[in-house]
Amino acid sequence: IADGGTIFLDEVGELPLAAQSKLLRVLQSQEVQPVGQ
């Protein structure tokens, strides 16, 4: 949804470690893989 714009991750320190690894991939590659796709 934020493609072309900005995403604001408020209280990012609350993310569990499992979600942090997936977020890291997006920041590194700018690629998103929807669940089940």
PDB file of all heavy atoms in Angstrom:
ATOM      1  N   ILE A   1       0.831  -1.207   0.000  1.00  0.00           N
ATOM      2  CA  ILE A   1       0.000   0.000   0.000  1.00  0.00           C
ATOM      3  C   ILE A   1       0.862   1.252   0.000  1.00  0.00           C
ATOM      4  O   ILE A   1       0.524   2.258  -0.630  1.00  0.00           O
ATOM      5  CB  ILE A   1      -0.933  -0.016   1.227  1.00  0.00           C
ATOM      6  CG1 ILE A   1      -1.919  -1.185   1.137  1.00  0.00           C
ATOM      7  CG2 ILE A   1      -1.706   1.292   1.345  1.00  0.00           C
ATOM      8  CD1 ILE A   1      -2.756  -1.377   2.386  1.00  0.00           C
ATOM      9  N   ALA A   2       1.998   1.201   0.687  1.00  0.00           N
ATOM     10  CA  ALA A   2       2.881   2.373   0.803  1.00  0.00           C
ATOM     11  C   ALA A   2       3.828   2.517  -0.380  1.00  0.00           C
ATOM     12  O   ALA A   2       4.658   3.428  -0.385  1.00  0.00           O
ATOM     13  CB  ALA A   2       3.682   2.281   2.095  1.00  0.00           C
ATOM     14  N   ASP A   3       3.724   1.642  -1.379  1.00  0.00           N
ATOM     15  CA  ASP A   3       4.634   1.684  -2.525  1.00  0.00           C
ATOM     16  C   ASP A   3       4.677   3.076  -3.138  1.00  0.00           C
ATOM     17  O   ASP A   3       3.646   3.661  -3.474  1.00  0.00           O
ATOM     18  CB  ASP A   3       4.186   0.660  -3.565  1.00  0.00           C
ATOM     19  CG  ASP A   3       5.194   0.508  -4.688  1.00  0.00           C
ATOM     20  OD1 ASP A   3       6.376   0.825  -4.479  1.00  0.00           O
ATOM     21  OD2 ASP A   3       4.790   0.081  -5.793  1.00  0.00           O
ATOM     22  N   GLY A   4       5.866   3.613  -3.284  1.00  0.00           N
ATOM     23  CA  GLY A   4       6.039   4.957  -3.808  1.00  0.00           C
ATOM     24  C   GLY A   4       6.020   6.026  -2.739  1.00  0.00           C
ATOM     25  O   GLY A   4       6.339   7.181  -2.997  1.00  0.00           O
ATOM     26  N   GLY A   5       5.646   5.636  -1.522  1.00  0.00           N
ATOM     27  CA  GLY A   5       5.548   6.601  -0.432  1.00  0.00           C
ATOM     28  C   GLY A   5       6.407   6.212   0.741  1.00  0.00           C
ATOM     29  O   GLY A   5       7.539   5.742   0.582  1.00  0.00           O
ATOM     30  N   THR A   6       5.853   6.384   1.928  1.00  0.00           N
ATOM     31  CA  THR A   6       6.589   6.167   3.173  1.00  0.00           C
ATOM     32  C   THR A   6       5.790   5.252   4.084  1.00  0.00           C
ATOM     33  O   THR A   6       4.569   5.332   4.132  1.00  0.00           O
ATOM     34  CB  THR A   6       6.829   7.511   3.899  1.00  0.00           C
ATOM     35  OG1 THR A   6       7.528   8.394   3.024  1.00  0.00           O
ATOM     36  CG2 THR A   6       7.631   7.319   5.166  1.00  0.00           C
ATOM     37  N   ILE A   7       6.484   4.374   4.799  1.00  0.00           N
ATOM     38  CA  ILE A   7       5.843   3.580   5.837  1.00  0.00           C
ATOM     39  C   ILE A   7       6.434   3.987   7.181  1.00  0.00           C
ATOM     40  O   ILE A   7       7.660   4.132   7.317  1.00  0.00           O
ATOM     41  CB  ILE A   7       6.007   2.069   5.577  1.00  0.00           C
ATOM     42  CG1 ILE A   7       5.075   1.268   6.493  1.00  0.00           C
ATOM     43  CG2 ILE A   7       7.449   1.619   5.729  1.00  0.00           C
ATOM     44  CD1 ILE A   7       4.907  -0.181   6.083  1.00  0.00           C
ATOM     45  N   PHE A   8       5.568   4.240   8.132  1.00  0.00           N
ATOM     46  CA  PHE A   8       5.998   4.670   9.463  1.00  0.00           C
ATOM     47  C   PHE A   8       5.757   3.529  10.437  1.00  0.00           C
ATOM     48  O   PHE A   8       4.621   3.176  10.735  1.00  0.00           O
ATOM     49  CB  PHE A   8       5.224   5.914   9.892  1.00  0.00           C
ATOM     50  CG  PHE A   8       5.495   6.347  11.311  1.00  0.00           C
ATOM     51  CD1 PHE A   8       6.788   6.432  11.787  1.00  0.00           C
ATOM     52  CD2 PHE A   8       4.443   6.662  12.162  1.00  0.00           C
ATOM     53  CE1 PHE A   8       7.041   6.825  13.099  1.00  0.00           C
ATOM     54  CE2 PHE A   8       4.678   7.051  13.474  1.00  0.00           C
ATOM     55  CZ  PHE A   8       5.986   7.129  13.940  1.00  0.00           C
ATOM     56  N   LEU A   9       6.841   2.922  10.931  1.00  0.00           N
ATOM     57  CA  LEU A   9       6.767   1.805  11.863  1.00  0.00           C
ATOM     58  C   LEU A   9       6.883   2.351  13.277  1.00  0.00           C
ATOM     59  O   LEU A   9       7.985   2.558  13.797  1.00  0.00           O
ATOM     60  CB  LEU A   9       7.876   0.797  11.574  1.00  0.00           C
ATOM     61  CG  LEU A   9       7.898   0.201  10.154  1.00  0.00           C
ATOM     62  CD1 LEU A   9       9.116  -0.689   9.965  1.00  0.00           C
ATOM     63  CD2 LEU A   9       6.611  -0.570   9.879  1.00  0.00           C
ATOM     64  N   ASP A  10       5.742   2.616  13.885  1.00  0.00           N
ATOM     65  CA  ASP A  10       5.724   3.156  15.242  1.00  0.00           C
ATOM     66  C   ASP A  10       5.932   2.024  16.245  1.00  0.00           C
ATOM     67  O   ASP A  10       5.455   0.912  16.041  1.00  0.00           O
ATOM     68  CB  ASP A  10       4.388   3.852  15.496  1.00  0.00           C
ATOM     69  CG  ASP A  10       4.433   4.782  16.689  1.00  0.00           C
ATOM     70  OD1 ASP A  10       5.541   5.023  17.224  1.00  0.00           O
ATOM     71  OD2 ASP A  10       3.370   5.286  17.084  1.00  0.00           O
ATOM     72  N   GLU A  11       6.664   2.323  17.316  1.00  0.00           N
ATOM     73  CA  GLU A  11       6.984   1.338  18.354  1.00  0.00           C
ATOM     74  C   GLU A  11       7.614   0.083  17.745  1.00  0.00           C
ATOM     75  O   GLU A  11       7.240  -1.044  18.061  1.00  0.00           O
ATOM     76  CB  GLU A  11       5.733   0.984  19.161  1.00  0.00           C
ATOM     77  CG  GLU A  11       5.121   2.181  19.890  1.00  0.00           C
ATOM     78  CD  GLU A  11       4.026   1.777  20.860  1.00  0.00           C
ATOM     79  OE1 GLU A  11       4.331   1.022  21.806  1.00  0.00           O
ATOM     80  OE2 GLU A  11       2.884   2.237  20.661  1.00  0.00           O
ATOM     81  N   VAL A  12       8.595   0.302  16.886  1.00  0.00           N
ATOM     82  CA  VAL A  12       9.230  -0.813  16.181  1.00  0.00           C
ATOM     83  C   VAL A  12       9.949  -1.742  17.152  1.00  0.00           C
ATOM     84  O   VAL A  12      10.164  -2.926  16.857  1.00  0.00           O
ATOM     85  CB  VAL A  12      10.204  -0.267  15.106  1.00  0.00           C
ATOM     86  CG1 VAL A  12      11.430   0.380  15.748  1.00  0.00           C
ATOM     87  CG2 VAL A  12      10.616  -1.347  14.126  1.00  0.00           C
ATOM     88  N   GLY A  13      10.333  -1.234  18.307  1.00  0.00           N
ATOM     89  CA  GLY A  13      11.018  -2.068  19.293  1.00  0.00           C
ATOM     90  C   GLY A  13      10.147  -3.162  19.864  1.00  0.00           C
ATOM     91  O   GLY A  13      10.652  -4.076  20.542  1.00  0.00           O
ATOM     92  N   GLU A  14       8.833  -3.114  19.613  1.00  0.00           N
ATOM     93  CA  GLU A  14       7.919  -4.125  20.129  1.00  0.00           C
ATOM     94  C   GLU A  14       7.806  -5.336  19.218  1.00  0.00           C
ATOM     95  O   GLU A  14       7.157  -6.321  19.570  1.00  0.00           O
ATOM     96  CB  GLU A  14       6.519  -3.520  20.327  1.00  0.00           C
ATOM     97  CG  GLU A  14       6.489  -2.242  21.142  1.00  0.00           C
ATOM     98  CD  GLU A  14       7.031  -2.452  22.551  1.00  0.00           C
ATOM     99  OE1 GLU A  14       6.767  -3.525  23.131  1.00  0.00           O
ATOM    100  OE2 GLU A  14       7.717  -1.544  23.054  1.00  0.00           O
ATOM    101  N   LEU A  15       8.417  -5.291  18.029  1.00  0.00           N
ATOM    102  CA  LEU A  15       8.314  -6.423  17.108  1.00  0.00           C
ATOM    103  C   LEU A  15       9.061  -7.633  17.656  1.00  0.00           C
ATOM    104  O   LEU A  15      10.206  -7.509  18.125  1.00  0.00           O
ATOM    105  CB  LEU A  15       8.901  -6.048  15.741  1.00  0.00           C
ATOM    106  CG  LEU A  15       8.066  -5.169  14.821  1.00  0.00           C
ATOM    107  CD1 LEU A  15       8.864  -4.825  13.574  1.00  0.00           C
ATOM    108  CD2 LEU A  15       6.753  -5.854  14.447  1.00  0.00           C
ATOM    109  N   PRO A  16       8.466  -8.824  17.599  1.00  0.00           N
ATOM    110  CA  PRO A  16       9.190 -10.029  18.019  1.00  0.00           C
ATOM    111  C   PRO A  16      10.318 -10.347  17.046  1.00  0.00           C
ATOM    112  O   PRO A  16      10.317  -9.894  15.891  1.00  0.00           O
ATOM    113  CB  PRO A  16       8.109 -11.111  18.002  1.00  0.00           C
ATOM    114  CG  PRO A  16       7.052 -10.598  17.082  1.00  0.00           C
ATOM    115  CD  PRO A  16       7.085  -9.107  17.200  1.00  0.00           C
ATOM    116  N   LEU A  17      11.259 -11.147  17.494  1.00  0.00           N
ATOM    117  CA  LEU A  17      12.450 -11.437  16.684  1.00  0.00           C
ATOM    118  C   LEU A  17      12.090 -12.089  15.351  1.00  0.00           C
ATOM    119  O   LEU A  17      12.723 -11.808  14.333  1.00  0.00           O
ATOM    120  CB  LEU A  17      13.403 -12.340  17.474  1.00  0.00           C
ATOM    121  CG  LEU A  17      14.146 -11.655  18.629  1.00  0.00           C
ATOM    122  CD1 LEU A  17      14.862 -12.686  19.486  1.00  0.00           C
ATOM    123  CD2 LEU A  17      15.137 -10.629  18.089  1.00  0.00           C
ATOM    124  N   ALA A  18      11.079 -12.956  15.330  1.00  0.00           N
ATOM    125  CA  ALA A  18      10.704 -13.630  14.080  1.00  0.00           C
ATOM    126  C   ALA A  18      10.260 -12.623  13.030  1.00  0.00           C
ATOM    127  O   ALA A  18      10.597 -12.742  11.844  1.00  0.00           O
ATOM    128  CB  ALA A  18       9.593 -14.644  14.346  1.00  0.00           C
ATOM    129  N   ALA A  19       9.491 -11.621  13.442  1.00  0.00           N
ATOM    130  CA  ALA A  19       9.038 -10.600  12.503  1.00  0.00           C
ATOM    131  C   ALA A  19      10.184  -9.689  12.092  1.00  0.00           C
ATOM    132  O   ALA A  19      10.206  -9.169  10.970  1.00  0.00           O
ATOM    133  CB  ALA A  19       7.912  -9.787  13.129  1.00  0.00           C
ATOM    134  N   GLN A  20      11.134  -9.487  12.975  1.00  0.00           N
ATOM    135  CA  GLN A  20      12.273  -8.617  12.650  1.00  0.00           C
ATOM    136  C   GLN A  20      13.077  -9.165  11.483  1.00  0.00           C
ATOM    137  O   GLN A  20      13.543  -8.404  10.623  1.00  0.00           O
ATOM    138  CB  GLN A  20      13.163  -8.473  13.883  1.00  0.00           C
ATOM    139  CG  GLN A  20      12.547  -7.690  15.024  1.00  0.00           C
ATOM    140  CD  GLN A  20      13.454  -7.638  16.240  1.00  0.00           C
ATOM    141  OE1 GLN A  20      14.678  -7.732  16.124  1.00  0.00           O
ATOM    142  NE2 GLN A  20      12.843  -7.512  17.422  1.00  0.00           N
ATOM    143  N   SER A  21      13.248 -10.468  11.422  1.00  0.00           N
ATOM    144  CA  SER A  21      14.026 -11.067  10.330  1.00  0.00           C
ATOM    145  C   SER A  21      13.335 -10.863   8.991  1.00  0.00           C
ATOM    146  O   SER A  21      13.991 -10.623   7.964  1.00  0.00           O
ATOM    147  CB  SER A  21      14.244 -12.557  10.596  1.00  0.00           C
ATOM    148  OG  SER A  21      12.995 -13.242  10.642  1.00  0.00           O
ATOM    149  N   LYS A  22      12.007 -10.952   8.982  1.00  0.00           N
ATOM    150  CA  LYS A  22      11.264 -10.741   7.731  1.00  0.00           C
ATOM    151  C   LYS A  22      11.296  -9.275   7.322  1.00  0.00           C
ATOM    152  O   LYS A  22      11.352  -8.954   6.133  1.00  0.00           O
ATOM    153  CB  LYS A  22       9.826 -11.236   7.894  1.00  0.00           C
ATOM    154  CG  LYS A  22       9.709 -12.749   8.092  1.00  0.00           C
ATOM    155  CD  LYS A  22       8.277 -13.179   8.236  1.00  0.00           C
ATOM    156  CE  LYS A  22       8.157 -14.700   8.273  1.00  0.00           C
ATOM    157  NZ  LYS A  22       8.822 -15.285   9.455  1.00  0.00           N
ATOM    158  N   LEU A  23      11.237  -8.396   8.293  1.00  0.00           N
ATOM    159  CA  LEU A  23      11.327  -6.967   7.997  1.00  0.00           C
ATOM    160  C   LEU A  23      12.694  -6.622   7.433  1.00  0.00           C
ATOM    161  O   LEU A  23      12.810  -5.799   6.516  1.00  0.00           O
ATOM    162  CB  LEU A  23      11.048  -6.155   9.262  1.00  0.00           C
ATOM    163  CG  LEU A  23      11.164  -4.637   9.145  1.00  0.00           C
ATOM    164  CD1 LEU A  23      10.199  -4.086   8.100  1.00  0.00           C
ATOM    165  CD2 LEU A  23      10.903  -3.976  10.498  1.00  0.00           C
ATOM    166  N   LEU A  24      13.722  -7.259   7.943  1.00  0.00           N
ATOM    167  CA  LEU A  24      15.080  -7.006   7.460  1.00  0.00           C
ATOM    168  C   LEU A  24      15.202  -7.316   5.979  1.00  0.00           C
ATOM    169  O   LEU A  24      15.828  -6.568   5.221  1.00  0.00           O
ATOM    170  CB  LEU A  24      16.076  -7.847   8.263  1.00  0.00           C
ATOM    171  CG  LEU A  24      17.538  -7.766   7.817  1.00  0.00           C
ATOM    172  CD1 LEU A  24      18.074  -6.363   8.018  1.00  0.00           C
ATOM    173  CD2 LEU A  24      18.384  -8.779   8.586  1.00  0.00           C
ATOM    174  N   ARG A  25      14.577  -8.400   5.530  1.00  0.00           N
ATOM    175  CA  ARG A  25      14.647  -8.776   4.116  1.00  0.00           C
ATOM    176  C   ARG A  25      14.056  -7.692   3.221  1.00  0.00           C
ATOM    177  O   ARG A  25      14.603  -7.379   2.165  1.00  0.00           O
ATOM    178  CB  ARG A  25      13.916 -10.104   3.901  1.00  0.00           C
ATOM    179  CG  ARG A  25      13.861 -10.503   2.433  1.00  0.00           C
ATOM    180  CD  ARG A  25      13.024 -11.749   2.223  1.00  0.00           C
ATOM    181  NE  ARG A  25      12.869 -12.034   0.812  1.00  0.00           N
ATOM    182  CZ  ARG A  25      12.141 -13.032   0.330  1.00  0.00           C
ATOM    183  NH1 ARG A  25      11.517 -13.841   1.168  1.00  0.00           N
ATOM    184  NH2 ARG A  25      12.039 -13.229  -0.970  1.00  0.00           N
ATOM    185  N   VAL A  26      12.946  -7.119   3.669  1.00  0.00           N
ATOM    186  CA  VAL A  26      12.315  -6.064   2.875  1.00  0.00           C
ATOM    187  C   VAL A  26      13.230  -4.854   2.781  1.00  0.00           C
ATOM    188  O   VAL A  26      13.375  -4.237   1.718  1.00  0.00           O
ATOM    189  CB  VAL A  26      10.960  -5.666   3.499  1.00  0.00           C
ATOM    190  CG1 VAL A  26      10.325  -4.534   2.713  1.00  0.00           C
ATOM    191  CG2 VAL A  26      10.025  -6.861   3.539  1.00  0.00           C
ATOM    192  N   LEU A  27      13.856  -4.491   3.893  1.00  0.00           N
ATOM    193  CA  LEU A  27      14.740  -3.328   3.884  1.00  0.00           C
ATOM    194  C   LEU A  27      15.966  -3.570   3.013  1.00  0.00           C
ATOM    195  O   LEU A  27      16.489  -2.645   2.388  1.00  0.00           O
ATOM    196  CB  LEU A  27      15.170  -2.992   5.313  1.00  0.00           C
ATOM    197  CG  LEU A  27      14.052  -2.568   6.277  1.00  0.00           C
ATOM    198  CD1 LEU A  27      14.615  -2.243   7.641  1.00  0.00           C
ATOM    199  CD2 LEU A  27      13.290  -1.382   5.730  1.00  0.00           C
ATOM    200  N   GLN A  28      16.425  -4.798   2.970  1.00  0.00           N
ATOM    201  CA  GLN A  28      17.619  -5.114   2.186  1.00  0.00           C
ATOM    202  C   GLN A  28      17.343  -5.163   0.691  1.00  0.00           C
ATOM    203  O   GLN A  28      18.111  -4.640  -0.116  1.00  0.00           O
ATOM    204  CB  GLN A  28      18.201  -6.459   2.640  1.00  0.00           C
ATOM    205  CG  GLN A  28      18.847  -6.421   4.018  1.00  0.00           C
ATOM    206  CD  GLN A  28      19.266  -7.801   4.490  1.00  0.00           C
ATOM    207  OE1 GLN A  28      18.686  -8.815   4.087  1.00  0.00           O
ATOM    208  NE2 GLN A  28      20.281  -7.853   5.342  1.00  0.00           N
ATOM    209  N   SER A  29      16.221  -5.776   0.310  1.00  0.00           N
ATOM    210  CA  SER A  29      15.957  -6.043  -1.104  1.00  0.00           C
ATOM    211  C   SER A  29      14.822  -5.234  -1.700  1.00  0.00           C
ATOM    212  O   SER A  29      14.646  -5.233  -2.920  1.00  0.00           O
ATOM    213  CB  SER A  29      15.648  -7.529  -1.297  1.00  0.00           C
ATOM    214  OG  SER A  29      14.445  -7.875  -0.608  1.00  0.00           O
ATOM    215  N   GLN A  30      14.037  -4.541  -0.828  1.00  0.00           N
ATOM    216  CA  GLN A  30      12.832  -3.850  -1.286  1.00  0.00           C
ATOM    217  C   GLN A  30      11.890  -4.812  -2.010  1.00  0.00           C
ATOM    218  O   GLN A  30      11.218  -4.458  -2.975  1.00  0.00           O
ATOM    219  CB  GLN A  30      13.177  -2.670  -2.192  1.00  0.00           C
ATOM    220  CG  GLN A  30      13.830  -1.502  -1.484  1.00  0.00           C
ATOM    221  CD  GLN A  30      12.819  -0.621  -0.751  1.00  0.00           C
ATOM    222  OE1 GLN A  30      12.008   0.071  -1.356  1.00  0.00           O
ATOM    223  NE2 GLN A  30      12.879  -0.640   0.579  1.00  0.00           N
ATOM    224  N   GLU A  31      11.863  -6.047  -1.519  1.00  0.00           N
ATOM    225  CA  GLU A  31      10.978  -7.064  -2.072  1.00  0.00           C
ATOM    226  C   GLU A  31      10.092  -7.621  -0.968  1.00  0.00           C
ATOM    227  O   GLU A  31      10.552  -7.904   0.140  1.00  0.00           O
ATOM    228  CB  GLU A  31      11.775  -8.200  -2.712  1.00  0.00           C
ATOM    229  CG  GLU A  31      12.499  -7.799  -3.986  1.00  0.00           C
ATOM    230  CD  GLU A  31      13.256  -8.952  -4.602  1.00  0.00           C
ATOM    231  OE1 GLU A  31      13.495  -9.964  -3.895  1.00  0.00           O
ATOM    232  OE2 GLU A  31      13.627  -8.855  -5.788  1.00  0.00           O
ATOM    233  N   VAL A  32       8.812  -7.790  -1.297  1.00  0.00           N
ATOM    234  CA  VAL A  32       7.820  -8.277  -0.347  1.00  0.00           C
ATOM    235  C   VAL A  32       7.252  -9.590  -0.874  1.00  0.00           C
ATOM    236  O   VAL A  32       6.947  -9.714  -2.060  1.00  0.00           O
ATOM    237  CB  VAL A  32       6.681  -7.245  -0.164  1.00  0.00           C
ATOM    238  CG1 VAL A  32       5.564  -7.828   0.681  1.00  0.00           C
ATOM    239  CG2 VAL A  32       7.213  -5.972   0.459  1.00  0.00           C
ATOM    240  N   GLN A  33       7.117 -10.558   0.005  1.00  0.00           N
ATOM    241  CA  GLN A  33       6.504 -11.835  -0.381  1.00  0.00           C
ATOM    242  C   GLN A  33       5.271 -12.065   0.481  1.00  0.00           C
ATOM    243  O   GLN A  33       5.368 -12.390   1.661  1.00  0.00           O
ATOM    244  CB  GLN A  33       7.479 -12.999  -0.198  1.00  0.00           C
ATOM    245  CG  GLN A  33       6.913 -14.312  -0.729  1.00  0.00           C
ATOM    246  CD  GLN A  33       7.950 -15.409  -0.741  1.00  0.00           C
ATOM    247  OE1 GLN A  33       8.976 -15.318  -0.072  1.00  0.00           O
ATOM    248  NE2 GLN A  33       7.692 -16.458  -1.514  1.00  0.00           N
ATOM    249  N   PRO A  34       4.077 -11.870  -0.095  1.00  0.00           N
ATOM    250  CA  PRO A  34       2.844 -12.105   0.671  1.00  0.00           C
ATOM    251  C   PRO A  34       2.768 -13.542   1.163  1.00  0.00           C
ATOM    252  O   PRO A  34       3.296 -14.461   0.531  1.00  0.00           O
ATOM    253  CB  PRO A  34       1.734 -11.796  -0.340  1.00  0.00           C
ATOM    254  CG  PRO A  34       2.384 -10.914  -1.364  1.00  0.00           C
ATOM    255  CD  PRO A  34       3.803 -11.392  -1.451  1.00  0.00           C
ATOM    256  N   VAL A  35       2.113 -13.739   2.272  1.00  0.00           N
ATOM    257  CA  VAL A  35       1.936 -15.077   2.840  1.00  0.00           C
ATOM    258  C   VAL A  35       1.158 -15.947   1.853  1.00  0.00           C
ATOM    259  O   VAL A  35       0.097 -15.562   1.374  1.00  0.00           O
ATOM    260  CB  VAL A  35       1.185 -15.001   4.186  1.00  0.00           C
ATOM    261  CG1 VAL A  35       1.001 -16.395   4.768  1.00  0.00           C
ATOM    262  CG2 VAL A  35       1.931 -14.113   5.162  1.00  0.00           C
ATOM    263  N   GLY A  36       1.707 -17.121   1.537  1.00  0.00           N
ATOM    264  CA  GLY A  36       1.041 -18.053   0.629  1.00  0.00           C
ATOM    265  C   GLY A  36       1.321 -17.799  -0.841  1.00  0.00           C
ATOM    266  O   GLY A  36       0.747 -18.466  -1.697  1.00  0.00           O
ATOM    267  N   GLN A  37       2.195 -16.855  -1.150  1.00  0.00           N
ATOM    268  CA  GLN A  37       2.492 -16.548  -2.560  1.00  0.00           C
ATOM    269  C   GLN A  37       3.968 -16.800  -2.827  1.00  0.00           C
ATOM    270  O   GLN A  37       4.835 -16.409  -2.030  1.00  0.00           O
ATOM    271  CB  GLN A  37       2.144 -15.084  -2.856  1.00  0.00           C
ATOM    272  CG  GLN A  37       2.439 -14.650  -4.291  1.00  0.00           C
ATOM    273  CD  GLN A  37       1.924 -13.250  -4.579  1.00  0.00           C
ATOM    274  OE1 GLN A  37       0.751 -12.960  -4.368  1.00  0.00           O
ATOM    275  NE2 GLN A  37       2.794 -12.382  -5.055  1.00  0.00           N
TER     276      GLN A  37
END
